[in-house]
């Protein structure tokens, strides 16, 4: 855990963080006109970092991306903190799943290997994001009380948006890393599972 990160890995990590910040600043995605929630590709590069380098570098990339978003995006710290907290269950679950099954982060070459940890990560994401939206983000962003927020935005809408967003994040990252062979720039040799 206390080993130095090679310069090449830091360079790729910085590039992935820059990609996430750029997609936030240009806001590539879809915003629900009724609820104001976004479906975007900001966290795809954070999950690419996991598939390429593992938990530690995914944490670094996501924190760097969130910092840049905090400094330059109109949503500032609130949007960055919500994106970070929403993505954490996904790469944490993928990491824990690979440890439980004796694989490293490169052990996800077959799509079937991400299905179970993805479903678990999506459940954890919704369980975390529903209360965070009602008691943290919506009151700060709109000034609504938590009870007003619960009335205005049903819990299943938050769960649906988070499920769709989580699927896009993990599946698109997996496609880019494994189908386009970006894993070649990762930290460990990828073996066919």
Protein backbone atom coordinates (compact mmCIF):
# COMPACT_ATOMS: atom_id res chain seq x y z
CA UNK A 1 0.00 0.00 0.00
CA UNK A 2 2.93 2.34 0.64
CA UNK A 3 4.70 1.61 -2.64
CA UNK A 4 5.38 4.47 -4.99
CA UNK A 5 3.16 4.87 -8.00
CA UNK A 6 5.19 4.69 -11.25
CA UNK A 7 5.31 7.87 -13.32
CA UNK A 8 3.65 6.13 -16.30
CA UNK A 9 0.71 5.08 -14.10
CA UNK A 10 0.44 8.61 -12.68
CA UNK A 11 0.38 9.97 -16.24
CA UNK A 12 -2.44 7.66 -17.30
CA UNK A 13 -4.30 8.38 -14.04
CA UNK A 14 -4.00 12.14 -14.61
CA UNK A 15 -5.28 11.67 -18.17
CA UNK A 16 -8.29 9.68 -16.95
CA UNK A 17 -9.05 12.33 -14.31
CA UNK A 18 -8.80 15.03 -16.98
CA UNK A 19 -11.21 13.11 -19.21
CA UNK A 20 -13.76 12.92 -16.39
CA UNK A 21 -13.41 16.63 -15.65
CA UNK A 22 -13.78 17.48 -19.34
CA UNK A 23 -16.94 15.39 -19.68
CA UNK A 24 -18.32 17.18 -16.61
CA UNK A 25 -17.44 20.65 -17.85
CA UNK A 26 -18.96 20.00 -21.29
CA UNK A 27 -21.65 17.91 -19.58
CA UNK A 28 -22.02 15.16 -22.09
CA UNK A 29 -25.22 13.36 -21.21
CA UNK A 30 -28.93 13.76 -20.58
CA UNK A 31 -30.62 15.83 -17.87
CA UNK A 32 -34.14 14.99 -16.79
CA UNK A 33 -36.19 18.16 -17.26
CA UNK A 34 -38.61 17.13 -14.51
CA UNK A 35 -36.16 16.07 -11.77
CA UNK A 36 -32.90 17.76 -12.81
CA UNK A 37 -30.85 14.56 -12.48
CA UNK A 38 -28.15 13.77 -15.02
CA UNK A 39 -27.19 10.61 -16.86
CA UNK A 40 -23.63 11.27 -18.03
CA UNK A 41 -20.23 9.68 -18.62
CA UNK A 42 -18.19 11.55 -15.99
CA UNK A 43 -17.37 8.47 -13.89
CA UNK A 44 -16.59 6.13 -16.80
CA UNK A 45 -12.90 7.04 -16.65
CA UNK A 46 -12.92 6.43 -12.87
CA UNK A 47 -14.05 2.86 -13.48
CA UNK A 48 -11.62 2.48 -16.37
CA UNK A 49 -8.92 3.27 -13.80
CA UNK A 50 -10.17 0.39 -11.67
CA UNK A 51 -10.16 -2.10 -14.54
CA UNK A 52 -6.68 -0.96 -15.60
CA UNK A 53 -4.95 -0.41 -12.25
CA UNK A 54 -7.13 -1.49 -9.34
CA UNK A 55 -8.76 0.13 -6.32
CA UNK A 56 -5.93 2.41 -5.27
CA UNK A 57 -5.55 4.18 -8.63
CA UNK A 58 -9.33 4.29 -9.10
CA UNK A 59 -9.49 6.18 -5.80
CA UNK A 60 -6.76 8.58 -6.94
CA UNK A 61 -8.41 9.19 -10.33
CA UNK A 62 -11.84 9.73 -8.82
CA UNK A 63 -10.50 12.12 -6.17
CA UNK A 64 -8.51 14.09 -8.76
CA UNK A 65 -11.54 14.23 -11.06
CA UNK A 66 -13.82 15.30 -8.20
CA UNK A 67 -11.34 18.02 -7.16
CA UNK A 68 -11.23 19.49 -10.68
CA UNK A 69 -15.03 19.32 -10.90
CA UNK A 70 -15.24 21.10 -7.54
CA UNK A 71 -13.01 23.91 -8.75
CA UNK A 72 -14.43 24.46 -12.24
CA UNK A 73 -17.93 23.06 -12.66
CA UNK A 74 -21.04 25.11 -11.87
CA UNK A 75 -22.24 22.41 -9.43
CA UNK A 76 -18.96 22.81 -7.48
CA UNK A 77 -18.43 20.65 -4.40
CA UNK A 78 -22.02 19.37 -4.18
CA UNK A 79 -22.05 17.77 -7.63
CA UNK A 80 -18.52 16.43 -7.21
CA UNK A 81 -19.22 14.91 -3.81
CA UNK A 82 -22.45 13.28 -5.02
CA UNK A 83 -20.76 11.84 -8.12
CA UNK A 84 -17.90 10.51 -6.00
CA UNK A 85 -20.19 8.96 -3.38
CA UNK A 86 -22.40 7.43 -6.08
CA UNK A 87 -19.45 5.83 -7.85
CA UNK A 88 -17.66 4.54 -4.75
CA UNK A 89 -19.99 1.53 -4.24
CA UNK A 90 -19.32 0.38 -7.81
CA UNK A 91 -15.54 0.21 -7.80
CA UNK A 92 -15.44 -0.81 -4.13
CA UNK A 93 -17.77 -3.74 -4.86
CA UNK A 94 -15.77 -4.73 -7.95
CA UNK A 95 -12.60 -4.60 -5.87
CA UNK A 96 -14.03 -6.59 -2.95
CA UNK A 97 -15.51 -9.16 -5.36
CA UNK A 98 -12.18 -9.71 -7.08
CA UNK A 99 -10.42 -10.12 -3.69
CA UNK A 100 -13.04 -12.64 -2.53
CA UNK A 101 -12.54 -14.67 -5.70
CA UNK A 102 -8.74 -14.52 -5.64
CA UNK A 103 -8.41 -12.34 -8.74
CA UNK A 104 -6.76 -9.01 -9.28
CA UNK A 105 -8.42 -6.04 -10.96
CA UNK A 106 -7.51 -7.54 -14.33
CA UNK A 107 -9.70 -10.58 -13.74
CA UNK A 108 -12.78 -9.10 -15.39
CA UNK A 109 -12.07 -9.81 -19.05
CA UNK A 110 -15.25 -11.83 -19.52
CA UNK A 111 -18.40 -9.74 -19.25
CA UNK A 112 -20.10 -12.44 -17.18
CA UNK A 113 -17.54 -11.76 -14.43
CA UNK A 114 -18.84 -8.23 -13.81
CA UNK A 115 -22.55 -9.08 -13.62
CA UNK A 116 -22.76 -10.17 -9.96
CA UNK A 117 -20.55 -7.42 -8.50
CA UNK A 118 -22.33 -4.87 -10.70
CA UNK A 119 -25.75 -5.91 -9.37
CA UNK A 120 -24.47 -5.76 -5.79
CA UNK A 121 -22.83 -2.38 -6.44
CA UNK A 122 -26.06 -1.01 -7.94
CA UNK A 123 -28.04 -2.11 -4.89
CA UNK A 124 -25.50 -0.48 -2.56
CA UNK A 125 -25.44 2.65 -4.71
CA UNK A 126 -29.22 3.09 -4.51
CA UNK A 127 -29.24 2.33 -0.77
CA UNK A 128 -26.65 5.08 -0.29
CA UNK A 129 -27.91 7.65 -2.79
CA UNK A 130 -31.59 7.70 -1.82
CA UNK A 131 -30.96 9.07 1.70
CA UNK A 132 -28.06 11.26 0.52
CA UNK A 133 -30.35 12.90 -2.04
CA UNK A 134 -33.15 13.48 0.44
CA UNK A 135 -31.06 14.67 3.38
CA UNK A 136 -28.00 16.22 1.73
CA UNK A 137 -28.08 17.11 -1.98
CA UNK A 138 -31.68 18.17 -2.62
CA UNK A 139 -31.97 20.36 0.52
CA UNK A 140 -28.69 22.13 -0.29
CA UNK A 141 -29.35 22.45 -4.05
CA UNK A 142 -33.03 23.46 -3.95
CA UNK A 143 -33.67 24.59 -0.40
CA UNK A 144 -36.41 21.97 0.03
CA UNK A 145 -36.72 20.21 3.35
CA UNK A 146 -36.17 16.45 3.32
CA UNK A 147 -39.94 15.84 3.65
CA UNK A 148 -40.62 18.16 0.69
CA UNK A 149 -37.93 16.37 -1.32
CA UNK A 150 -39.46 12.98 -0.54
CA UNK A 151 -42.84 14.24 -1.75
CA UNK A 152 -41.44 15.92 -4.88
CA UNK A 153 -39.12 13.12 -6.05
CA UNK A 154 -40.17 9.51 -5.36
CA UNK A 155 -37.42 7.19 -4.11
CA UNK A 156 -37.79 4.90 -7.12
CA UNK A 157 -36.88 7.76 -9.49
CA UNK A 158 -33.61 8.25 -7.62
CA UNK A 159 -33.01 4.48 -7.66
CA UNK A 160 -33.81 4.29 -11.40
CA UNK A 161 -31.46 7.13 -12.31
CA UNK A 162 -28.69 5.65 -10.17
CA UNK A 163 -29.19 2.19 -11.64
CA UNK A 164 -29.06 3.46 -15.22
CA UNK A 165 -26.06 5.67 -14.43
CA UNK A 166 -24.22 2.84 -12.68
CA UNK A 167 -24.81 0.45 -15.60
CA UNK A 168 -23.52 3.05 -18.07
CA UNK A 169 -20.44 3.75 -15.93
CA UNK A 170 -19.37 0.13 -15.45
CA UNK A 171 -20.39 -1.32 -18.82
CA UNK A 172 -18.95 1.52 -20.91
CA UNK A 173 -15.70 1.43 -18.90
CA UNK A 174 -15.52 -2.35 -19.36
CA UNK A 175 -16.11 -2.04 -23.12
CA UNK A 176 -13.42 0.62 -23.54
CA UNK A 177 -10.85 -1.23 -21.41
CA UNK A 178 -11.41 -4.77 -22.67
CA UNK A 179 -12.99 -4.56 -26.11
CA UNK A 180 -10.73 -1.73 -27.27
CA UNK A 181 -7.76 -3.30 -25.45
CA UNK A 182 -6.91 -0.21 -23.42
CA UNK A 183 -5.87 -2.65 -20.66
CA UNK A 184 -2.50 -2.81 -22.46
CA UNK A 185 -1.70 0.49 -20.73
CA UNK A 186 -2.66 -0.95 -17.32
CA UNK A 187 -0.46 -2.09 -14.48
CA UNK A 188 -0.73 -5.86 -14.73
CA UNK A 189 -0.75 -8.34 -17.58
CA UNK A 190 -4.28 -9.34 -18.51
CA UNK A 191 -4.83 -13.03 -18.76
CA UNK A 192 -7.81 -14.60 -20.40
CA UNK A 193 -10.02 -15.92 -17.62
